[in-house]
Amino acid sequence: MIDIKKFLTDLPGKVAPEAIEGHNTCFHFDVKDAGQFTVAITDGVMNVKEGLEGEASCKVSTSAESFSKLISGDLNPMMAMMTGKLKISNPGEMLKYAKMMGLM
């Protein structure tokens, strides 16, 4: 299984600063058996912190197993949402950033 904490905390180094320049958003990830994380983009800078901080534009809830399968490509995000394995409060916001975060 993929180390979800490492995956999320490594995101700022994987996302090109020019790709998020001028963007401001906040994601809350609540991953059962892996923890809660905040991914915030403010003025083109991405920060990841443990815990849920600030007002989220999008909340993502899933299990560690499902999250690992999503990242590795073994679980289709749409099927995961339809079967209740993945809950996203604002799918439109997630779609804007999912590819650059490596979630699709």
N, C-alpha and C. Protein backbone atom coordinates (compact mmCIF):
# COMPACT_ATOMS: atom_id res chain seq x y z
N MET A 1 0.85 -1.19 0.00
CA MET A 1 0.00 0.00 0.00
C MET A 1 0.89 1.24 0.00
N ILE A 2 0.46 2.24 -0.71
CA ILE A 2 1.19 3.50 -0.82
C ILE A 2 1.14 4.24 0.52
N ASP A 3 2.26 4.88 0.88
CA ASP A 3 2.33 5.69 2.10
C ASP A 3 1.61 7.01 1.80
N ILE A 4 0.39 7.14 2.27
CA ILE A 4 -0.45 8.28 1.95
C ILE A 4 0.10 9.57 2.54
N LYS A 5 0.58 9.50 3.76
CA LYS A 5 1.15 10.70 4.40
C LYS A 5 2.31 11.22 3.55
N LYS A 6 3.19 10.32 3.13
CA LYS A 6 4.34 10.72 2.31
C LYS A 6 3.87 11.26 0.97
N PHE A 7 2.91 10.60 0.35
CA PHE A 7 2.38 11.06 -0.93
C PHE A 7 1.90 12.50 -0.82
N LEU A 8 1.08 12.79 0.20
CA LEU A 8 0.51 14.13 0.35
C LEU A 8 1.57 15.15 0.76
N THR A 9 2.46 14.81 1.69
CA THR A 9 3.47 15.77 2.13
C THR A 9 4.51 16.05 1.04
N ASP A 10 4.66 15.14 0.09
CA ASP A 10 5.59 15.34 -1.03
C ASP A 10 4.97 16.15 -2.18
N LEU A 11 3.67 16.41 -2.14
CA LEU A 11 3.00 17.12 -3.23
C LEU A 11 3.64 18.45 -3.61
N PRO A 12 4.00 19.31 -2.65
CA PRO A 12 4.56 20.61 -3.05
C PRO A 12 5.79 20.49 -3.96
N GLY A 13 6.58 19.45 -3.81
CA GLY A 13 7.74 19.25 -4.66
C GLY A 13 7.42 18.67 -6.01
N LYS A 14 6.21 18.14 -6.17
CA LYS A 14 5.81 17.50 -7.43
C LYS A 14 5.03 18.43 -8.35
N VAL A 15 4.46 19.49 -7.79
CA VAL A 15 3.62 20.40 -8.57
C VAL A 15 4.45 21.60 -9.00
N ALA A 16 4.46 21.85 -10.29
CA ALA A 16 5.21 22.99 -10.82
C ALA A 16 4.60 24.30 -10.31
N PRO A 17 5.43 25.18 -9.74
CA PRO A 17 4.91 26.45 -9.21
C PRO A 17 4.12 27.26 -10.24
N GLU A 18 4.57 27.22 -11.51
CA GLU A 18 3.85 27.99 -12.54
C GLU A 18 2.45 27.42 -12.80
N ALA A 19 2.24 26.16 -12.50
CA ALA A 19 0.92 25.53 -12.71
C ALA A 19 -0.11 26.04 -11.71
N ILE A 20 0.35 26.48 -10.55
CA ILE A 20 -0.59 26.94 -9.52
C ILE A 20 -0.48 28.44 -9.25
N GLU A 21 0.33 29.13 -10.05
CA GLU A 21 0.50 30.57 -9.89
C GLU A 21 -0.86 31.26 -10.03
N GLY A 22 -1.15 32.11 -9.06
CA GLY A 22 -2.42 32.84 -9.07
C GLY A 22 -3.61 32.05 -8.54
N HIS A 23 -3.38 30.81 -8.11
CA HIS A 23 -4.46 29.97 -7.59
C HIS A 23 -4.51 30.04 -6.07
N ASN A 24 -5.71 29.98 -5.53
CA ASN A 24 -5.93 29.93 -4.08
C ASN A 24 -7.05 28.94 -3.81
N THR A 25 -6.74 27.90 -3.04
CA THR A 25 -7.76 26.91 -2.70
C THR A 25 -7.29 26.12 -1.47
N CYS A 26 -8.18 25.36 -0.90
CA CYS A 26 -7.84 24.54 0.27
C CYS A 26 -8.61 23.22 0.19
N PHE A 27 -7.88 22.13 0.34
CA PHE A 27 -8.47 20.79 0.34
C PHE A 27 -8.28 20.15 1.71
N HIS A 28 -9.31 19.49 2.19
CA HIS A 28 -9.20 18.66 3.39
C HIS A 28 -9.30 17.20 2.95
N PHE A 29 -8.29 16.42 3.32
CA PHE A 29 -8.29 14.99 3.05
C PHE A 29 -8.49 14.27 4.38
N ASP A 30 -9.55 13.50 4.49
CA ASP A 30 -9.83 12.69 5.67
C ASP A 30 -9.73 11.24 5.22
N VAL A 31 -8.58 10.63 5.50
CA VAL A 31 -8.30 9.29 5.01
C VAL A 31 -8.27 8.33 6.20
N LYS A 32 -9.32 7.50 6.29
CA LYS A 32 -9.43 6.54 7.38
C LYS A 32 -8.19 5.65 7.43
N ASP A 33 -7.63 5.48 8.59
CA ASP A 33 -6.43 4.68 8.85
C ASP A 33 -5.14 5.32 8.33
N ALA A 34 -5.21 6.58 7.88
CA ALA A 34 -3.99 7.27 7.42
C ALA A 34 -3.88 8.68 8.00
N GLY A 35 -5.00 9.28 8.39
CA GLY A 35 -4.97 10.61 9.00
C GLY A 35 -5.75 11.66 8.24
N GLN A 36 -5.66 12.87 8.75
CA GLN A 36 -6.32 14.02 8.16
C GLN A 36 -5.24 15.01 7.73
N PHE A 37 -5.44 15.61 6.55
CA PHE A 37 -4.44 16.49 5.99
C PHE A 37 -5.11 17.68 5.32
N THR A 38 -4.41 18.82 5.36
CA THR A 38 -4.84 20.01 4.66
C THR A 38 -3.83 20.31 3.57
N VAL A 39 -4.31 20.45 2.34
CA VAL A 39 -3.47 20.86 1.22
C VAL A 39 -4.00 22.24 0.81
N ALA A 40 -3.17 23.25 1.04
CA ALA A 40 -3.57 24.62 0.74
C ALA A 40 -2.68 25.21 -0.33
N ILE A 41 -3.31 25.91 -1.26
CA ILE A 41 -2.58 26.65 -2.28
C ILE A 41 -2.94 28.11 -2.08
N THR A 42 -1.93 28.91 -1.79
CA THR A 42 -2.13 30.33 -1.53
C THR A 42 -1.11 31.11 -2.35
N ASP A 43 -1.61 31.96 -3.22
CA ASP A 43 -0.74 32.77 -4.09
C ASP A 43 0.30 31.92 -4.80
N GLY A 44 -0.11 30.74 -5.28
CA GLY A 44 0.78 29.89 -6.05
C GLY A 44 1.77 29.07 -5.24
N VAL A 45 1.60 29.02 -3.92
CA VAL A 45 2.46 28.22 -3.07
C VAL A 45 1.62 27.13 -2.41
N MET A 46 2.07 25.88 -2.53
CA MET A 46 1.34 24.76 -1.95
C MET A 46 1.98 24.36 -0.62
N ASN A 47 1.13 24.19 0.38
CA ASN A 47 1.57 23.72 1.70
C ASN A 47 0.69 22.55 2.11
N VAL A 48 1.29 21.57 2.77
CA VAL A 48 0.56 20.42 3.27
C VAL A 48 0.83 20.32 4.76
N LYS A 49 -0.25 20.18 5.54
CA LYS A 49 -0.13 20.06 6.99
C LYS A 49 -1.00 18.91 7.47
N GLU A 50 -0.56 18.28 8.54
CA GLU A 50 -1.42 17.27 9.17
C GLU A 50 -2.52 17.99 9.91
N GLY A 51 -3.69 17.40 9.91
CA GLY A 51 -4.85 18.00 10.54
C GLY A 51 -5.64 18.81 9.54
N LEU A 52 -6.82 19.21 9.94
CA LEU A 52 -7.71 19.98 9.07
C LEU A 52 -7.67 21.43 9.53
N GLU A 53 -7.14 22.30 8.67
CA GLU A 53 -7.00 23.72 9.01
C GLU A 53 -7.70 24.58 7.97
N GLY A 54 -8.27 25.66 8.41
CA GLY A 54 -8.89 26.61 7.50
C GLY A 54 -10.21 26.13 6.92
N GLU A 55 -10.74 26.94 6.02
CA GLU A 55 -12.00 26.66 5.35
C GLU A 55 -11.70 25.93 4.04
N ALA A 56 -12.18 24.71 3.93
CA ALA A 56 -11.90 23.91 2.74
C ALA A 56 -12.82 24.25 1.58
N SER A 57 -12.24 24.37 0.40
CA SER A 57 -13.02 24.52 -0.84
C SER A 57 -13.56 23.16 -1.27
N CYS A 58 -12.84 22.10 -0.83
CA CYS A 58 -13.20 20.74 -1.21
C CYS A 58 -12.77 19.78 -0.10
N LYS A 59 -13.67 18.91 0.30
CA LYS A 59 -13.38 17.89 1.32
C LYS A 59 -13.42 16.52 0.66
N VAL A 60 -12.36 15.74 0.91
CA VAL A 60 -12.24 14.41 0.33
C VAL A 60 -12.20 13.40 1.48
N SER A 61 -13.08 12.41 1.45
CA SER A 61 -13.12 11.36 2.47
C SER A 61 -13.05 10.00 1.79
N THR A 62 -12.17 9.15 2.31
CA THR A 62 -12.01 7.81 1.76
C THR A 62 -11.20 6.98 2.75
N SER A 63 -10.99 5.72 2.42
CA SER A 63 -10.15 4.86 3.25
C SER A 63 -8.74 4.86 2.69
N ALA A 64 -7.78 4.43 3.50
CA ALA A 64 -6.39 4.34 3.05
C ALA A 64 -6.29 3.38 1.87
N GLU A 65 -7.01 2.29 1.93
CA GLU A 65 -6.97 1.30 0.85
C GLU A 65 -7.47 1.90 -0.47
N SER A 66 -8.60 2.58 -0.42
CA SER A 66 -9.16 3.19 -1.63
C SER A 66 -8.26 4.30 -2.17
N PHE A 67 -7.71 5.12 -1.27
CA PHE A 67 -6.83 6.21 -1.69
C PHE A 67 -5.60 5.64 -2.40
N SER A 68 -5.03 4.59 -1.84
CA SER A 68 -3.86 3.94 -2.46
C SER A 68 -4.20 3.42 -3.85
N LYS A 69 -5.37 2.81 -3.98
CA LYS A 69 -5.79 2.29 -5.28
C LYS A 69 -6.04 3.41 -6.28
N LEU A 70 -6.58 4.54 -5.81
CA LEU A 70 -6.80 5.69 -6.69
C LEU A 70 -5.48 6.21 -7.23
N ILE A 71 -4.51 6.38 -6.34
CA ILE A 71 -3.19 6.91 -6.72
C ILE A 71 -2.48 5.98 -7.69
N SER A 72 -2.58 4.69 -7.45
CA SER A 72 -1.88 3.73 -8.30
C SER A 72 -2.62 3.44 -9.61
N GLY A 73 -3.84 3.96 -9.74
CA GLY A 73 -4.61 3.74 -10.96
C GLY A 73 -5.42 2.46 -10.96
N ASP A 74 -5.47 1.78 -9.82
CA ASP A 74 -6.22 0.53 -9.72
C ASP A 74 -7.70 0.74 -9.39
N LEU A 75 -8.10 1.99 -9.15
CA LEU A 75 -9.50 2.30 -8.84
C LEU A 75 -9.88 3.56 -9.61
N ASN A 76 -10.93 3.45 -10.39
CA ASN A 76 -11.44 4.57 -11.17
C ASN A 76 -12.12 5.57 -10.22
N PRO A 77 -11.73 6.86 -10.26
CA PRO A 77 -12.33 7.85 -9.34
C PRO A 77 -13.85 7.94 -9.44
N MET A 78 -14.39 7.87 -10.66
CA MET A 78 -15.84 7.97 -10.83
C MET A 78 -16.55 6.76 -10.23
N MET A 79 -15.99 5.57 -10.44
CA MET A 79 -16.57 4.37 -9.85
C MET A 79 -16.48 4.43 -8.33
N ALA A 80 -15.37 4.94 -7.82
CA ALA A 80 -15.19 5.06 -6.37
C ALA A 80 -16.25 5.98 -5.77
N MET A 81 -16.55 7.08 -6.47
CA MET A 81 -17.58 7.99 -5.98
C MET A 81 -18.96 7.34 -6.05
N MET A 82 -19.25 6.66 -7.16
CA MET A 82 -20.57 6.05 -7.33
C MET A 82 -20.81 4.91 -6.34
N THR A 83 -19.76 4.23 -5.92
CA THR A 83 -19.91 3.12 -4.98
C THR A 83 -19.72 3.55 -3.53
N GLY A 84 -19.48 4.85 -3.30
CA GLY A 84 -19.34 5.36 -1.94
C GLY A 84 -17.97 5.16 -1.32
N LYS A 85 -17.00 4.70 -2.09
CA LYS A 85 -15.65 4.51 -1.56
C LYS A 85 -14.89 5.83 -1.48
N LEU A 86 -15.40 6.84 -2.18
CA LEU A 86 -14.78 8.16 -2.24
C LEU A 86 -15.87 9.20 -2.17
N LYS A 87 -15.73 10.15 -1.25
CA LYS A 87 -16.69 11.24 -1.13
C LYS A 87 -15.93 12.54 -1.35
N ILE A 88 -16.44 13.36 -2.27
CA ILE A 88 -15.83 14.64 -2.59
C ILE A 88 -16.92 15.70 -2.51
N SER A 89 -16.71 16.71 -1.64
CA SER A 89 -17.75 17.72 -1.42
C SER A 89 -17.91 18.67 -2.60
N ASN A 90 -16.85 18.88 -3.37
CA ASN A 90 -16.89 19.82 -4.48
C ASN A 90 -16.11 19.22 -5.65
N PRO A 91 -16.73 18.30 -6.40
CA PRO A 91 -16.02 17.61 -7.49
C PRO A 91 -15.41 18.56 -8.52
N GLY A 92 -16.05 19.67 -8.80
CA GLY A 92 -15.53 20.63 -9.77
C GLY A 92 -14.17 21.18 -9.34
N GLU A 93 -14.05 21.49 -8.08
CA GLU A 93 -12.78 22.00 -7.54
C GLU A 93 -11.71 20.93 -7.60
N MET A 94 -12.08 19.71 -7.28
CA MET A 94 -11.12 18.60 -7.33
C MET A 94 -10.63 18.37 -8.76
N LEU A 95 -11.53 18.45 -9.73
CA LEU A 95 -11.15 18.23 -11.12
C LEU A 95 -10.12 19.25 -11.60
N LYS A 96 -10.18 20.48 -11.09
CA LYS A 96 -9.22 21.51 -11.48
C LYS A 96 -7.79 21.12 -11.10
N TYR A 97 -7.65 20.41 -9.97
CA TYR A 97 -6.32 20.18 -9.40
C TYR A 97 -5.89 18.71 -9.39
N ALA A 98 -6.79 17.79 -9.62
CA ALA A 98 -6.49 16.37 -9.46
C ALA A 98 -5.32 15.89 -10.33
N LYS A 99 -5.29 16.33 -11.56
CA LYS A 99 -4.23 15.86 -12.46
C LYS A 99 -2.86 16.36 -12.00
N MET A 100 -2.77 17.64 -11.64
CA MET A 100 -1.46 18.16 -11.22
C MET A 100 -1.01 17.58 -9.88
N MET A 101 -1.96 17.09 -9.07
CA MET A 101 -1.60 16.46 -7.80
C MET A 101 -1.30 14.98 -7.96
N GLY A 102 -1.50 14.44 -9.14
CA GLY A 102 -1.25 13.03 -9.36
C GLY A 102 -2.37 12.13 -8.89
N LEU A 103 -3.56 12.70 -8.78
CA LEU A 103 -4.71 11.92 -8.31
C LEU A 103 -5.53 11.34 -9.46
N MET A 104 -5.15 11.64 -10.68
CA MET A 104 -5.85 11.12 -11.85
C MET A 104 -4.82 10.74 -12.91
